[in-house]
Amino acid sequence: MTRIFLLEHLKAFTEEALADLLLPVPPPRHTICVDLAGGDDFDDGLGGECANENAEQPELSRVVKVFTNALPKGSSVTRDAPYVLHQILKTLDFQKPGQLPLAEILVWTTFCIYHEDGQEGGLSLLNAMERLRIGLLRRRVIGKQFRLDLSAGLETLVYPDTGPPPEGTAPYYLGEMLTTWNAPIIEREVDYDKTCCSNIRKSGPGPDCNRTGPGAHGEYITPEKQ
């Protein structure tokens, strides 16, 4: 459950950091039907359905959506742009000799921004990534239990714009971020009542102890008792 809690806190934090950032959305996969002279309907060739003229107008911009683990069912890599996707990439539980145990979680964050203008699209991507990066560096602790591990570094990667497909991804602009988080450790369970499983025993007299005077059973001996 620890990793799920981290994703939930990261989603809430990202939504807060990008709350006032409005970015363009891709056009819908259908167009308004047009009555041609021959009575045929116009098809945009994208495989979508024609929309009714009285249908609600599509939104032109909105805040960035934030997803965790995977995109929702029925979505595609580009259809829900602009969005941010947080995924757990790796976890590591370890303990060095003479030190307390540690738990590390590596999170892979993907950014996808849509814009018809190549220059504005690249700048919008950098803006979203910078807002989240600066917010994490300022807060460093989220959910009161997950700490950003700066010793492992906070890495960002922006994919260069090489034009439209198939050579490039325009008008979609992509970036990544890698963050490492220190998470609460899982405490070891010790069964005190089961024999031969641990050298740790409950406090109190041993099984063959018959002492009843001062100092027996761990009793503190005050000067008055001596």
Protein backbone atom coordinates (compact mmCIF):
# COMPACT_ATOMS: atom_id res chain seq x y z
CA MET A 1 0.00 0.00 0.00
CA THR A 2 2.98 2.34 0.51
CA ARG A 3 3.54 2.79 -3.22
CA ILE A 4 -0.16 3.41 -3.84
CA PHE A 5 -0.19 6.11 -1.16
CA LEU A 6 2.84 7.76 -2.78
CA LEU A 7 1.09 7.89 -6.17
CA GLU A 8 -2.03 9.37 -4.59
CA HIS A 9 -0.04 12.09 -2.83
CA LEU A 10 1.95 12.81 -6.00
CA LYS A 11 -1.26 13.18 -8.00
CA ALA A 12 -2.73 15.63 -5.49
CA PHE A 13 0.51 17.62 -5.36
CA THR A 14 0.78 17.78 -9.17
CA GLU A 15 -2.82 18.96 -9.52
CA GLU A 16 -2.09 21.72 -7.02
CA ALA A 17 1.15 22.77 -8.75
CA LEU A 18 -0.51 22.95 -12.21
CA ALA A 19 -3.95 24.16 -11.11
CA ASP A 20 -3.82 27.52 -12.91
CA LEU A 21 -2.10 26.30 -16.08
CA LEU A 22 -4.52 26.18 -19.04
CA LEU A 23 -3.24 24.44 -22.17
CA PRO A 24 -4.76 23.64 -25.59
CA VAL A 25 -6.48 20.31 -26.17
CA PRO A 26 -6.41 18.24 -29.37
CA PRO A 27 -9.35 18.70 -31.76
CA PRO A 28 -12.12 16.10 -31.51
CA ARG A 29 -12.00 13.09 -33.80
CA HIS A 30 -15.16 14.17 -35.65
CA THR A 31 -16.47 17.18 -37.54
CA ILE A 32 -19.95 18.65 -37.99
CA CYS A 33 -21.83 16.92 -40.78
CA VAL A 34 -22.26 19.00 -43.91
CA ASP A 35 -25.08 18.38 -46.38
CA LEU A 36 -23.49 18.20 -49.77
CA ALA A 37 -25.32 18.57 -53.07
CA GLY A 38 -25.53 14.85 -53.45
CA GLY A 39 -26.93 14.40 -49.96
CA ASP A 40 -23.76 12.77 -48.69
CA ASP A 41 -22.23 13.52 -45.31
CA PHE A 42 -18.72 14.85 -45.07
CA ASP A 43 -16.26 12.55 -43.30
CA ASP A 44 -13.00 13.83 -41.86
CA GLY A 45 -11.35 10.49 -42.57
CA LEU A 46 -10.32 9.95 -38.94
CA GLY A 47 -12.80 7.21 -38.27
CA GLY A 48 -14.88 9.30 -35.87
CA GLU A 49 -18.62 9.91 -35.90
CA CYS A 50 -20.20 13.07 -37.25
CA ALA A 51 -21.40 15.46 -34.60
CA ASN A 52 -24.78 17.10 -34.35
CA GLU A 53 -24.85 20.83 -35.06
CA ASN A 54 -26.57 21.37 -31.71
CA ALA A 55 -23.98 19.35 -29.83
CA GLU A 56 -21.91 21.02 -27.17
CA GLN A 57 -18.89 22.83 -28.56
CA PRO A 58 -15.58 21.11 -27.78
CA GLU A 59 -13.31 22.75 -25.24
CA LEU A 60 -10.32 24.62 -26.59
CA SER A 61 -8.17 24.51 -23.43
CA ARG A 62 -8.25 23.08 -19.92
CA VAL A 63 -6.09 22.31 -16.92
CA VAL A 64 -3.62 19.45 -17.12
CA LYS A 65 -5.05 16.03 -16.24
CA VAL A 66 -3.06 13.88 -13.81
CA PHE A 67 -3.12 10.08 -13.97
CA THR A 68 -1.41 7.39 -11.92
CA ASN A 69 -0.14 3.94 -12.91
CA ALA A 70 -1.71 3.99 -16.40
CA LEU A 71 -3.95 5.97 -18.71
CA PRO A 72 -7.68 5.30 -18.24
CA LYS A 73 -9.47 2.73 -20.37
CA GLY A 74 -10.36 3.99 -23.81
CA SER A 75 -7.60 6.58 -23.80
CA SER A 76 -4.56 6.83 -26.02
CA VAL A 77 -1.11 8.31 -25.61
CA THR A 78 -2.21 11.56 -27.26
CA ARG A 79 -5.99 11.77 -26.90
CA ASP A 80 -6.01 13.01 -23.28
CA ALA A 81 -3.31 15.66 -23.78
CA PRO A 82 -2.38 17.73 -21.89
CA TYR A 83 -1.68 15.27 -19.08
CA VAL A 84 0.88 14.05 -16.53
CA LEU A 85 1.29 10.36 -15.76
CA HIS A 86 3.01 9.07 -12.58
CA GLN A 87 4.22 5.44 -12.56
CA ILE A 88 6.25 3.37 -10.12
CA LEU A 89 9.41 2.26 -11.89
CA LYS A 90 11.36 0.50 -9.12
CA THR A 91 11.41 -0.04 -5.36
CA LEU A 92 14.39 -0.94 -3.18
CA ASP A 93 14.43 -2.03 0.48
CA PHE A 94 17.90 -2.33 1.99
CA GLN A 95 19.92 -1.96 5.18
CA LYS A 96 23.62 -1.19 5.40
CA PRO A 97 25.63 -2.67 8.31
CA GLY A 98 25.29 -0.53 11.41
CA GLN A 99 22.55 1.65 9.89
CA LEU A 100 18.77 1.75 9.98
CA PRO A 101 16.83 0.08 7.14
CA LEU A 102 15.76 2.25 4.21
CA ALA A 103 13.05 2.07 1.55
CA GLU A 104 13.41 3.86 -1.79
CA ILE A 105 10.82 4.25 -4.54
CA LEU A 106 11.71 5.43 -8.05
CA VAL A 107 8.88 7.27 -9.83
CA TRP A 108 8.73 7.84 -13.58
CA THR A 109 6.65 10.87 -14.57
CA THR A 110 5.58 11.47 -18.18
CA PHE A 111 4.38 14.82 -19.59
CA CYS A 112 2.35 15.13 -22.79
CA ILE A 113 1.41 18.58 -24.15
CA TYR A 114 -0.51 19.46 -27.31
CA HIS A 115 0.02 22.66 -29.30
CA GLU A 116 -0.30 23.55 -32.99
CA ASP A 117 2.59 25.99 -32.72
CA GLY A 118 5.92 24.21 -32.35
CA GLN A 119 7.62 26.96 -30.36
CA GLU A 120 4.68 27.47 -28.01
CA GLY A 121 4.30 23.72 -27.58
CA GLY A 122 7.90 23.32 -26.44
CA LEU A 123 7.60 26.27 -24.06
CA SER A 124 4.33 24.95 -22.62
CA LEU A 125 6.00 21.61 -21.94
CA LEU A 126 8.92 23.28 -20.16
CA ASN A 127 6.50 25.43 -18.18
CA ALA A 128 4.58 22.41 -16.87
CA MET A 129 7.76 20.50 -16.04
CA GLU A 130 9.34 23.50 -14.29
CA ARG A 131 6.28 24.13 -12.16
CA LEU A 132 6.33 20.58 -10.86
CA ARG A 133 10.12 20.46 -10.45
CA ILE A 134 10.28 23.72 -8.48
CA GLY A 135 7.28 22.71 -6.39
CA LEU A 136 8.89 19.39 -5.42
CA LEU A 137 12.22 21.05 -4.57
CA ARG A 138 10.45 23.55 -2.34
CA ARG A 139 8.22 21.02 -0.56
CA ARG A 140 10.49 17.93 -0.58
CA VAL A 141 8.10 16.05 1.74
CA ILE A 142 4.59 15.02 0.62
CA GLY A 143 1.95 13.19 2.57
CA LYS A 144 3.98 13.73 5.77
CA GLN A 145 5.83 10.46 5.10
CA PHE A 146 7.53 10.55 1.68
CA ARG A 147 10.77 12.52 1.34
CA LEU A 148 12.37 13.47 -1.97
CA ASP A 149 15.87 11.97 -2.07
CA LEU A 150 18.06 14.67 -3.62
CA SER A 151 21.17 12.54 -3.13
CA ALA A 152 19.79 10.37 -5.95
CA GLY A 153 19.02 13.47 -8.00
CA LEU A 154 15.90 14.83 -9.69
CA GLU A 155 16.26 14.16 -13.41
CA THR A 156 14.25 15.72 -16.25
CA LEU A 157 14.33 14.84 -19.94
CA VAL A 158 12.72 16.74 -22.83
CA TYR A 159 12.29 14.98 -26.18
CA PRO A 160 13.53 17.24 -29.00
CA ASP A 161 10.99 18.44 -31.55
CA THR A 162 11.84 16.84 -34.90
CA GLY A 163 8.66 17.75 -36.74
CA PRO A 164 5.45 15.83 -37.48
CA PRO A 165 5.20 12.01 -37.62
CA PRO A 166 6.74 9.70 -38.58
CA GLU A 167 9.99 11.55 -37.91
CA GLY A 168 8.73 13.48 -34.88
CA THR A 169 5.82 13.80 -32.45
CA ALA A 170 4.52 17.32 -33.25
CA PRO A 171 1.97 18.70 -32.45
CA TYR A 172 2.51 16.64 -29.27
CA TYR A 173 5.47 17.44 -27.03
CA LEU A 174 6.78 14.93 -24.51
CA GLY A 175 9.03 15.02 -21.47
CA GLU A 176 9.99 12.82 -18.52
CA MET A 177 10.99 13.23 -14.90
CA LEU A 178 12.64 10.72 -12.56
CA THR A 179 12.36 11.17 -8.80
CA THR A 180 13.49 8.97 -5.91
CA TRP A 181 11.52 8.95 -2.67
CA ASN A 182 12.41 7.74 0.81
CA ALA A 183 9.41 5.84 2.14
CA PRO A 184 8.46 4.50 5.59
CA ILE A 185 10.15 1.19 6.35
CA ILE A 186 8.27 -2.01 7.08
CA GLU A 187 8.87 -2.98 10.70
CA ARG A 188 10.01 -6.51 11.42
CA GLU A 189 7.47 -8.73 13.15
CA VAL A 190 8.75 -10.81 16.10
CA ASP A 191 6.73 -13.67 17.58
CA TYR A 192 7.71 -13.70 21.25
CA ASP A 193 5.59 -16.72 22.16
CA LYS A 194 6.96 -19.06 19.52
CA THR A 195 10.08 -20.97 20.52
CA CYS A 196 13.23 -21.17 18.40
CA CYS A 197 12.26 -18.24 16.15
CA SER A 198 14.11 -15.38 17.82
CA ASN A 199 16.55 -14.63 20.59
CA ILE A 200 14.39 -11.68 21.64
CA ARG A 201 12.22 -12.43 24.64
CA LYS A 202 9.72 -10.53 26.69
CA SER A 203 10.99 -8.66 29.72
CA GLY A 204 10.58 -10.47 33.03
CA PRO A 205 12.02 -13.45 34.88
CA GLY A 206 13.28 -16.48 33.02
CA PRO A 207 11.43 -19.80 33.16
CA ASP A 208 13.63 -21.16 36.00
CA CYS A 209 13.90 -17.95 38.03
CA ASN A 210 12.75 -18.36 41.68
CA ARG A 211 13.94 -15.02 43.06
CA THR A 212 11.33 -13.14 45.02
CA GLY A 213 13.42 -10.56 46.89
CA PRO A 214 14.42 -7.01 45.95
CA GLY A 215 15.90 -6.83 42.48
CA ALA A 216 13.96 -9.83 41.17
CA HIS A 217 12.14 -9.53 37.86
CA GLY A 218 14.00 -6.32 36.93
CA GLU A 219 12.76 -4.36 39.94
CA TYR A 220 14.77 -1.19 40.60
CA ILE A 221 16.34 -1.28 44.10
CA THR A 222 16.11 2.07 45.86
CA PRO A 223 18.36 2.90 48.84
CA GLU A 224 15.39 2.47 51.18
CA LYS A 225 14.96 -1.15 50.06
CA GLN A 226 18.59 -2.11 50.65
